[in-house]
Amino acid sequence: MSYRTLSNLTQIALFDGLTTALMGIPSSFAGWNFGPGSMWAMPPGSPNAVLA
């Protein structure tokens, strides 16, 4: 994994993109919280994660 340093010295990981099929699978988003009260949701039939 490579990283990019932002001007405020925060490092963010640079990832290769996900395929369309992987975008619709919650387990593709390691570390994301899709539970009740979380910021993210994966509505049934949705092709990708959305802000809740």
PDB file of N, CA and C in Angstrom:
ATOM      1  N   MET A   1       0.858  -1.173   0.000  1.00  0.00           N
ATOM      2  CA  MET A   1       0.000   0.000   0.000  1.00  0.00           C
ATOM      3  C   MET A   1       0.898   1.228   0.000  1.00  0.00           C
ATOM      4  N   SER A   2       0.513   2.208  -0.766  1.00  0.00           N
ATOM      5  CA  SER A   2       1.274   3.454  -0.779  1.00  0.00           C
ATOM      6  C   SER A   2       0.485   4.530  -0.050  1.00  0.00           C
ATOM      7  N   TYR A   3       1.174   5.581   0.301  1.00  0.00           N
ATOM      8  CA  TYR A   3       0.547   6.664   1.052  1.00  0.00           C
ATOM      9  C   TYR A   3       0.852   7.995   0.403  1.00  0.00           C
ATOM     10  N   ARG A   4      -0.017   8.940   0.616  1.00  0.00           N
ATOM     11  CA  ARG A   4       0.203  10.312   0.173  1.00  0.00           C
ATOM     12  C   ARG A   4       0.144  11.180   1.425  1.00  0.00           C
ATOM     13  N   THR A   5       1.078  12.103   1.561  1.00  0.00           N
ATOM     14  CA  THR A   5       1.075  13.021   2.698  1.00  0.00           C
ATOM     15  C   THR A   5       0.393  14.306   2.279  1.00  0.00           C
ATOM     16  N   LEU A   6      -0.618  14.702   3.021  1.00  0.00           N
ATOM     17  CA  LEU A   6      -1.339  15.941   2.749  1.00  0.00           C
ATOM     18  C   LEU A   6      -0.577  17.109   3.346  1.00  0.00           C
ATOM     19  N   SER A   7      -0.985  18.304   2.999  1.00  0.00           N
ATOM     20  CA  SER A   7      -0.281  19.492   3.467  1.00  0.00           C
ATOM     21  C   SER A   7      -0.290  19.609   4.987  1.00  0.00           C
ATOM     22  N   ASN A   8      -1.285  19.008   5.653  1.00  0.00           N
ATOM     23  CA  ASN A   8      -1.327  19.078   7.114  1.00  0.00           C
ATOM     24  C   ASN A   8      -0.605  17.891   7.750  1.00  0.00           C
ATOM     25  N   LEU A   9       0.203  17.190   6.963  1.00  0.00           N
ATOM     26  CA  LEU A   9       1.024  16.067   7.387  1.00  0.00           C
ATOM     27  C   LEU A   9       0.224  14.823   7.775  1.00  0.00           C
ATOM     28  N   THR A  10      -1.031  14.773   7.400  1.00  0.00           N
ATOM     29  CA  THR A  10      -1.839  13.580   7.607  1.00  0.00           C
ATOM     30  C   THR A  10      -1.618  12.651   6.433  1.00  0.00           C
ATOM     31  N   GLN A  11      -1.379  11.378   6.708  1.00  0.00           N
ATOM     32  CA  GLN A  11      -1.186  10.428   5.626  1.00  0.00           C
ATOM     33  C   GLN A  11      -2.496   9.725   5.325  1.00  0.00           C
ATOM     34  N   ILE A  12      -2.785   9.574   4.043  1.00  0.00           N
ATOM     35  CA  ILE A  12      -3.948   8.806   3.619  1.00  0.00           C
ATOM     36  C   ILE A  12      -3.461   7.688   2.709  1.00  0.00           C
ATOM     37  N   ALA A  13      -4.113   6.537   2.798  1.00  0.00           N
ATOM     38  CA  ALA A  13      -3.730   5.408   1.957  1.00  0.00           C
ATOM     39  C   ALA A  13      -4.275   5.603   0.558  1.00  0.00           C
ATOM     40  N   LEU A  14      -3.484   5.211  -0.434  1.00  0.00           N
ATOM     41  CA  LEU A  14      -3.919   5.247  -1.822  1.00  0.00           C
ATOM     42  C   LEU A  14      -4.231   3.821  -2.240  1.00  0.00           C
ATOM     43  N   PHE A  15      -5.435   3.577  -2.685  1.00  0.00           N
ATOM     44  CA  PHE A  15      -5.866   2.243  -3.046  1.00  0.00           C
ATOM     45  C   PHE A  15      -6.205   2.185  -4.526  1.00  0.00           C
ATOM     46  N   ASP A  16      -6.119   0.991  -5.069  1.00  0.00           N
ATOM     47  CA  ASP A  16      -6.674   0.763  -6.388  1.00  0.00           C
ATOM     48  C   ASP A  16      -8.188   0.746  -6.216  1.00  0.00           C
ATOM     49  N   GLY A  17      -8.917   1.134  -7.240  1.00  0.00           N
ATOM     50  CA  GLY A  17     -10.370   1.172  -7.169  1.00  0.00           C
ATOM     51  C   GLY A  17     -10.988  -0.212  -7.098  1.00  0.00           C
ATOM     52  N   LEU A  18     -12.231  -0.275  -6.662  1.00  0.00           N
ATOM     53  CA  LEU A  18     -12.999  -1.517  -6.622  1.00  0.00           C
ATOM     54  C   LEU A  18     -13.792  -1.660  -7.916  1.00  0.00           C
ATOM     55  N   THR A  19     -14.051  -2.895  -8.302  1.00  0.00           N
ATOM     56  CA  THR A  19     -14.908  -3.138  -9.455  1.00  0.00           C
ATOM     57  C   THR A  19     -16.346  -2.802  -9.073  1.00  0.00           C
ATOM     58  N   THR A  20     -17.206  -2.676 -10.054  1.00  0.00           N
ATOM     59  CA  THR A  20     -18.619  -2.399  -9.793  1.00  0.00           C
ATOM     60  C   THR A  20     -19.221  -3.490  -8.917  1.00  0.00           C
ATOM     61  N   ALA A  21     -18.890  -4.739  -9.204  1.00  0.00           N
ATOM     62  CA  ALA A  21     -19.425  -5.851  -8.405  1.00  0.00           C
ATOM     63  C   ALA A  21     -18.972  -5.755  -6.951  1.00  0.00           C
ATOM     64  N   LEU A  22     -17.703  -5.438  -6.704  1.00  0.00           N
ATOM     65  CA  LEU A  22     -17.200  -5.334  -5.334  1.00  0.00           C
ATOM     66  C   LEU A  22     -17.797  -4.140  -4.589  1.00  0.00           C
ATOM     67  N   MET A  23     -18.180  -3.086  -5.310  1.00  0.00           N
ATOM     68  CA  MET A  23     -18.777  -1.914  -4.655  1.00  0.00           C
ATOM     69  C   MET A  23     -20.101  -2.252  -3.972  1.00  0.00           C
ATOM     70  N   GLY A  24     -20.774  -3.301  -4.405  1.00  0.00           N
ATOM     71  CA  GLY A  24     -22.054  -3.681  -3.817  1.00  0.00           C
ATOM     72  C   GLY A  24     -21.951  -4.689  -2.690  1.00  0.00           C
ATOM     73  N   ILE A  25     -20.737  -5.016  -2.255  1.00  0.00           N
ATOM     74  CA  ILE A  25     -20.526  -6.000  -1.194  1.00  0.00           C
ATOM     75  C   ILE A  25     -19.943  -5.297   0.029  1.00  0.00           C
ATOM     76  N   PRO A  26     -20.704  -5.235   1.144  1.00  0.00           N
ATOM     77  CA  PRO A  26     -20.218  -4.522   2.330  1.00  0.00           C
ATOM     78  C   PRO A  26     -18.837  -4.971   2.804  1.00  0.00           C
ATOM     79  N   SER A  27     -18.520  -6.253   2.677  1.00  0.00           N
ATOM     80  CA  SER A  27     -17.221  -6.731   3.152  1.00  0.00           C
ATOM     81  C   SER A  27     -16.049  -6.168   2.334  1.00  0.00           C
ATOM     82  N   SER A  28     -16.322  -5.557   1.193  1.00  0.00           N
ATOM     83  CA  SER A  28     -15.276  -4.910   0.405  1.00  0.00           C
ATOM     84  C   SER A  28     -14.766  -3.644   1.078  1.00  0.00           C
ATOM     85  N   PHE A  29     -15.511  -3.138   2.027  1.00  0.00           N
ATOM     86  CA  PHE A  29     -15.188  -1.879   2.703  1.00  0.00           C
ATOM     87  C   PHE A  29     -14.664  -2.165   4.107  1.00  0.00           C
ATOM     88  N   ALA A  30     -13.488  -2.776   4.186  1.00  0.00           N
ATOM     89  CA  ALA A  30     -12.888  -3.119   5.476  1.00  0.00           C
ATOM     90  C   ALA A  30     -12.756  -1.882   6.354  1.00  0.00           C
ATOM     91  N   GLY A  31     -13.218  -1.990   7.582  1.00  0.00           N
ATOM     92  CA  GLY A  31     -13.111  -0.891   8.528  1.00  0.00           C
ATOM     93  C   GLY A  31     -14.257   0.098   8.488  1.00  0.00           C
ATOM     94  N   TRP A  32     -15.170  -0.055   7.537  1.00  0.00           N
ATOM     95  CA  TRP A  32     -16.325   0.842   7.464  1.00  0.00           C
ATOM     96  C   TRP A  32     -17.418   0.284   8.359  1.00  0.00           C
ATOM     97  N   ASN A  33     -18.149   1.136   9.028  1.00  0.00           N
ATOM     98  CA  ASN A  33     -19.221   0.712   9.912  1.00  0.00           C
ATOM     99  C   ASN A  33     -20.563   0.906   9.212  1.00  0.00           C
ATOM    100  N   PHE A  34     -21.249  -0.209   8.958  1.00  0.00           N
ATOM    101  CA  PHE A  34     -22.573  -0.157   8.347  1.00  0.00           C
ATOM    102  C   PHE A  34     -23.659  -0.445   9.372  1.00  0.00           C
ATOM    103  N   GLY A  35     -23.314  -0.459  10.659  1.00  0.00           N
ATOM    104  CA  GLY A  35     -24.270  -0.797  11.708  1.00  0.00           C
ATOM    105  C   GLY A  35     -25.237   0.333  11.995  1.00  0.00           C
ATOM    106  N   PRO A  36     -26.196   0.062  12.889  1.00  0.00           N
ATOM    107  CA  PRO A  36     -27.170   1.085  13.283  1.00  0.00           C
ATOM    108  C   PRO A  36     -26.475   2.339  13.818  1.00  0.00           C
ATOM    109  N   GLY A  37     -26.933   3.484  13.384  1.00  0.00           N
ATOM    110  CA  GLY A  37     -26.387   4.757  13.839  1.00  0.00           C
ATOM    111  C   GLY A  37     -25.058   5.128  13.205  1.00  0.00           C
ATOM    112  N   SER A  38     -24.617   4.355  12.202  1.00  0.00           N
ATOM    113  CA  SER A  38     -23.330   4.669  11.585  1.00  0.00           C
ATOM    114  C   SER A  38     -23.499   5.718  10.486  1.00  0.00           C
ATOM    115  N   MET A  39     -22.393   6.163   9.963  1.00  0.00           N
ATOM    116  CA  MET A  39     -22.383   7.168   8.912  1.00  0.00           C
ATOM    117  C   MET A  39     -22.709   6.555   7.550  1.00  0.00           C
ATOM    118  N   TRP A  40     -22.454   5.238   7.376  1.00  0.00           N
ATOM    119  CA  TRP A  40     -22.594   4.582   6.090  1.00  0.00           C
ATOM    120  C   TRP A  40     -23.734   3.592   6.081  1.00  0.00           C
ATOM    121  N   ALA A  41     -24.335   3.418   4.919  1.00  0.00           N
ATOM    122  CA  ALA A  41     -25.414   2.442   4.737  1.00  0.00           C
ATOM    123  C   ALA A  41     -25.196   1.704   3.421  1.00  0.00           C
ATOM    124  N   MET A  42     -25.683   0.479   3.364  1.00  0.00           N
ATOM    125  CA  MET A  42     -25.671  -0.308   2.134  1.00  0.00           C
ATOM    126  C   MET A  42     -27.102  -0.778   1.925  1.00  0.00           C
ATOM    127  N   PRO A  43     -27.948   0.088   1.336  1.00  0.00           N
ATOM    128  CA  PRO A  43     -29.348  -0.269   1.141  1.00  0.00           C
ATOM    129  C   PRO A  43     -29.486  -1.532   0.286  1.00  0.00           C
ATOM    130  N   PRO A  44     -30.487  -2.363   0.572  1.00  0.00           N
ATOM    131  CA  PRO A  44     -30.705  -3.570  -0.245  1.00  0.00           C
ATOM    132  C   PRO A  44     -30.833  -3.196  -1.718  1.00  0.00           C
ATOM    133  N   GLY A  45     -30.096  -3.902  -2.550  1.00  0.00           N
ATOM    134  CA  GLY A  45     -30.150  -3.655  -3.982  1.00  0.00           C
ATOM    135  C   GLY A  45     -29.306  -2.489  -4.457  1.00  0.00           C
ATOM    136  N   SER A  46     -28.663  -1.785  -3.535  1.00  0.00           N
ATOM    137  CA  SER A  46     -27.836  -0.642  -3.920  1.00  0.00           C
ATOM    138  C   SER A  46     -26.538  -1.130  -4.545  1.00  0.00           C
ATOM    139  N   PRO A  47     -26.059  -0.450  -5.581  1.00  0.00           N
ATOM    140  CA  PRO A  47     -24.805  -0.857  -6.197  1.00  0.00           C
ATOM    141  C   PRO A  47     -23.566  -0.383  -5.448  1.00  0.00           C
ATOM    142  N   ASN A  48     -23.752   0.427  -4.396  1.00  0.00           N
ATOM    143  CA  ASN A  48     -22.597   0.939  -3.651  1.00  0.00           C
ATOM    144  C   ASN A  48     -23.016   1.478  -2.285  1.00  0.00           C
ATOM    145  N   ALA A  49     -22.024   1.733  -1.449  1.00  0.00           N
ATOM    146  CA  ALA A  49     -22.266   2.321  -0.134  1.00  0.00           C
ATOM    147  C   ALA A  49     -22.692   3.774  -0.289  1.00  0.00           C
ATOM    148  N   VAL A  50     -23.525   4.231   0.634  1.00  0.00           N
ATOM    149  CA  VAL A  50     -24.015   5.614   0.597  1.00  0.00           C
ATOM    150  C   VAL A  50     -23.927   6.207   1.997  1.00  0.00           C
ATOM    151  N   LEU A  51     -23.858   7.516   2.088  1.00  0.00           N
ATOM    152  CA  LEU A  51     -23.931   8.170   3.385  1.00  0.00           C
ATOM    153  C   LEU A  51     -25.330   8.010   3.933  1.00  0.00           C
ATOM    154  N   ALA A  52     -25.422   7.665   5.199  1.00  0.00           N
ATOM    155  CA  ALA A  52     -26.725   7.444   5.823  1.00  0.00           C
ATOM    156  C   ALA A  52     -27.399   8.762   6.166  1.00  0.00           C
TER     157      ALA A  52
END
